Every structure is written in C-alpha cells, then in structure tokens.
C-alpha atoms as a PDB file:
ATOM      1  CA  MET A   1     -16.935   0.543 -10.952  1.00  0.00           C
ATOM      2  CA  ASN A   2     -13.634  -1.128  -9.932  1.00  0.00           C
ATOM      3  CA  LYS A   3     -10.977  -1.091 -12.524  1.00  0.00           C
ATOM      4  CA  LYS A   4      -7.839  -3.060 -12.267  1.00  0.00           C
ATOM      5  CA  ILE A   5      -4.734  -0.789 -11.890  1.00  0.00           C
ATOM      6  CA  GLU A   6      -1.811  -1.938 -13.847  1.00  0.00           C
ATOM      7  CA  ILE A   7       1.310  -1.769 -11.666  1.00  0.00           C
ATOM      8  CA  LYS A   8       4.527  -1.014 -13.729  1.00  0.00           C
ATOM      9  CA  SER A   9       7.539  -3.006 -13.014  1.00  0.00           C
ATOM     10  CA  ASP A  10       9.488   0.127 -11.567  1.00  0.00           C
ATOM     11  CA  ILE A  11       6.717   0.465  -8.921  1.00  0.00           C
ATOM     12  CA  LYS A  12       6.706  -3.316  -8.151  1.00  0.00           C
ATOM     13  CA  LYS A  13      10.388  -2.947  -7.071  1.00  0.00           C
ATOM     14  CA  LEU A  14       9.641  -0.352  -4.547  1.00  0.00           C
ATOM     15  CA  SER A  15       9.351  -0.999  -0.845  1.00  0.00           C
ATOM     16  CA  PHE A  16       6.200   0.000   0.971  1.00  0.00           C
ATOM     17  CA  GLU A  17       7.952   2.981   2.382  1.00  0.00           C
ATOM     18  CA  GLU A  18       9.419   4.104  -0.857  1.00  0.00           C
ATOM     19  CA  ALA A  19       6.072   3.836  -2.488  1.00  0.00           C
ATOM     20  CA  LEU A  20       4.302   5.614   0.225  1.00  0.00           C
ATOM     21  CA  THR A  21       6.855   8.547   0.170  1.00  0.00           C
ATOM     22  CA  GLU A  22       6.359   8.967  -3.561  1.00  0.00           C
ATOM     23  CA  LEU A  23       2.597   8.810  -3.243  1.00  0.00           C
ATOM     24  CA  GLU A  24       2.864  11.519  -0.650  1.00  0.00           C
ATOM     25  CA  GLU A  25       4.882  13.728  -2.907  1.00  0.00           C
ATOM     26  CA  ILE A  26       2.331  13.225  -5.738  1.00  0.00           C
ATOM     27  CA  VAL A  27      -0.570  14.206  -3.474  1.00  0.00           C
ATOM     28  CA  GLY A  28       1.424  17.256  -2.426  1.00  0.00           C
ATOM     29  CA  ARG A  29       1.949  18.401  -6.008  1.00  0.00           C
ATOM     30  CA  LEU A  30      -1.596  17.783  -6.877  1.00  0.00           C
ATOM     31  CA  GLU A  31      -2.910  19.814  -3.894  1.00  0.00           C
ATOM     32  CA  ARG A  32      -0.580  22.715  -4.684  1.00  0.00           C
ATOM     33  CA  GLY A  33      -2.055  22.787  -8.221  1.00  0.00           C
ATOM     34  CA  ASP A  34       1.301  24.087  -9.653  1.00  0.00           C
ATOM     35  CA  ILE A  35       1.341  21.666 -12.638  1.00  0.00           C
ATOM     36  CA  ASP A  36      -0.421  21.661 -15.847  1.00  0.00           C
ATOM     37  CA  LEU A  37      -3.326  19.425 -16.592  1.00  0.00           C
ATOM     38  CA  GLU A  38      -1.489  16.785 -18.744  1.00  0.00           C
ATOM     39  CA  ASP A  39       1.135  16.332 -15.959  1.00  0.00           C
ATOM     40  CA  SER A  40      -1.610  16.207 -13.455  1.00  0.00           C
ATOM     41  CA  ILE A  41      -3.273  13.349 -15.163  1.00  0.00           C
ATOM     42  CA  SER A  42      -0.011  11.507 -15.613  1.00  0.00           C
ATOM     43  CA  ILE A  43       1.115  11.841 -11.951  1.00  0.00           C
ATOM     44  CA  TYR A  44      -2.467  11.042 -10.795  1.00  0.00           C
ATOM     45  CA  GLU A  45      -2.351   7.710 -12.712  1.00  0.00           C
ATOM     46  CA  ARG A  46       0.986   6.889 -11.138  1.00  0.00           C
ATOM     47  CA  GLY A  47      -0.466   7.747  -7.731  1.00  0.00           C
ATOM     48  CA  GLU A  48      -3.223   5.267  -8.322  1.00  0.00           C
ATOM     49  CA  ALA A  49      -0.763   2.628  -9.200  1.00  0.00           C
ATOM     50  CA  LEU A  50       1.453   3.413  -6.046  1.00  0.00           C
ATOM     51  CA  LYS A  51      -1.761   3.339  -3.870  1.00  0.00           C
ATOM     52  CA  SER A  52      -2.573  -0.191  -5.307  1.00  0.00           C
ATOM     53  CA  HIS A  53       1.003  -1.328  -4.712  1.00  0.00           C
ATOM     54  CA  CYS A  54       0.915  -0.089  -1.108  1.00  0.00           C
ATOM     55  CA  GLU A  55      -2.448  -1.824  -0.507  1.00  0.00           C
ATOM     56  CA  SER A  56      -1.046  -4.971  -1.932  1.00  0.00           C
ATOM     57  CA  LYS A  57       1.981  -4.849   0.366  1.00  0.00           C
ATOM     58  CA  LEU A  58      -0.190  -4.261   3.426  1.00  0.00           C
ATOM     59  CA  GLU A  59      -2.495  -7.086   2.549  1.00  0.00           C
ATOM     60  CA  LYS A  60       0.566  -9.442   2.347  1.00  0.00           C
ATOM     61  CA  ALA A  61       1.843  -8.166   5.617  1.00  0.00           C
ATOM     62  CA  LYS A  62      -1.492  -8.739   7.201  1.00  0.00           C
ATOM     63  CA  MET A  63      -1.635 -12.417   6.060  1.00  0.00           C
ATOM     64  CA  LYS A  64       1.743 -12.986   7.853  1.00  0.00           C
ATOM     65  CA  VAL A  65       0.669 -11.575  11.211  1.00  0.00           C
ATOM     66  CA  ASP A  66      -0.185 -14.110  13.868  1.00  0.00           C
ATOM     67  CA  LYS A  67      -1.857 -13.498  17.156  1.00  0.00           C
ATOM     68  CA  ILE A  68      -0.230 -14.835  20.322  1.00  0.00           C
ATOM     69  CA  ILE A  69      -2.317 -17.193  22.507  1.00  0.00           C
ATOM     70  CA  THR A  70      -1.666 -17.729  26.078  1.00  0.00           C
ATOM     71  CA  GLN A  71      -2.236 -21.478  26.899  1.00  0.00           C
ATOM     72  CA  PRO A  72      -3.897 -22.435  30.317  1.00  0.00           C
ATOM     73  CA  ASP A  73      -0.423 -23.945  31.288  1.00  0.00           C
ATOM     74  CA  GLY A  74       1.132 -20.406  30.847  1.00  0.00           C
ATOM     75  CA  ASP A  75       2.862 -21.391  27.590  1.00  0.00           C
ATOM     76  CA  PHE A  76       2.309 -19.570  24.358  1.00  0.00           C
ATOM     77  CA  SER A  77       1.179 -20.488  20.880  1.00  0.00           C
ATOM     78  CA  SER A  78       0.101 -18.509  17.788  1.00  0.00           C
ATOM     79  CA  GLU A  79      -2.607 -18.769  15.297  1.00  0.00           C
ATOM     80  CA  PRO A  80      -3.587 -16.686  12.156  1.00  0.00           C
ATOM     81  CA  LEU A  81      -5.123 -13.281  12.955  1.00  0.00           C
ATOM     82  CA  ASP A  82      -8.914 -13.237  12.795  1.00  0.00           C
ATOM     83  CA  GLU A  83     -10.512 -11.203  10.119  1.00  0.00           C
ATOM     84  CA  ILE A  84     -12.273  -8.228  11.352  1.00  0.00           C
END
C-alpha cells in the first residue's frame, strides 16, 4: 500500500543536503530509543516526509543528467541518460 506523503512547506525549502542531514539525525534518535512514543511517532512522520523530499530531489537531478557520446569524428555530443 503506497500512501502519498504530504511534504510541508518548511521541508520543501530544504536543499537535498539539509534534508538528508535532518533525516540522519532522526534515524539516530529513533535508533537510540531515548524518546517517548508520541515524539517517536512525530519525528518518524517527519522522517518519512524528508525521505520523500530527498527522493524527489534525486529524481529531478537524474532527469537533468546527460550522457556524453563520442562521435566517429572525435567530437562530443550528449543525449538523455538511458533508464536502467
């Protein structure tokens, strides 16, 4: 079951690196287990939104990547990266 994650405006403003750093901090807190259940649920939900935001940023970056092609005459051109 795939549910759509709502990404709040404060998360949308974050760069990929900022969102990833915050997500890593959340994972660390959850792994340590030093927070109560209500806070765990709250930061888990934020972590899900941060993860979705990072995935979206990566997908957009992937669409911008071109592969460089060497032409028979030694010149170069580019074309969209093939999907794997």
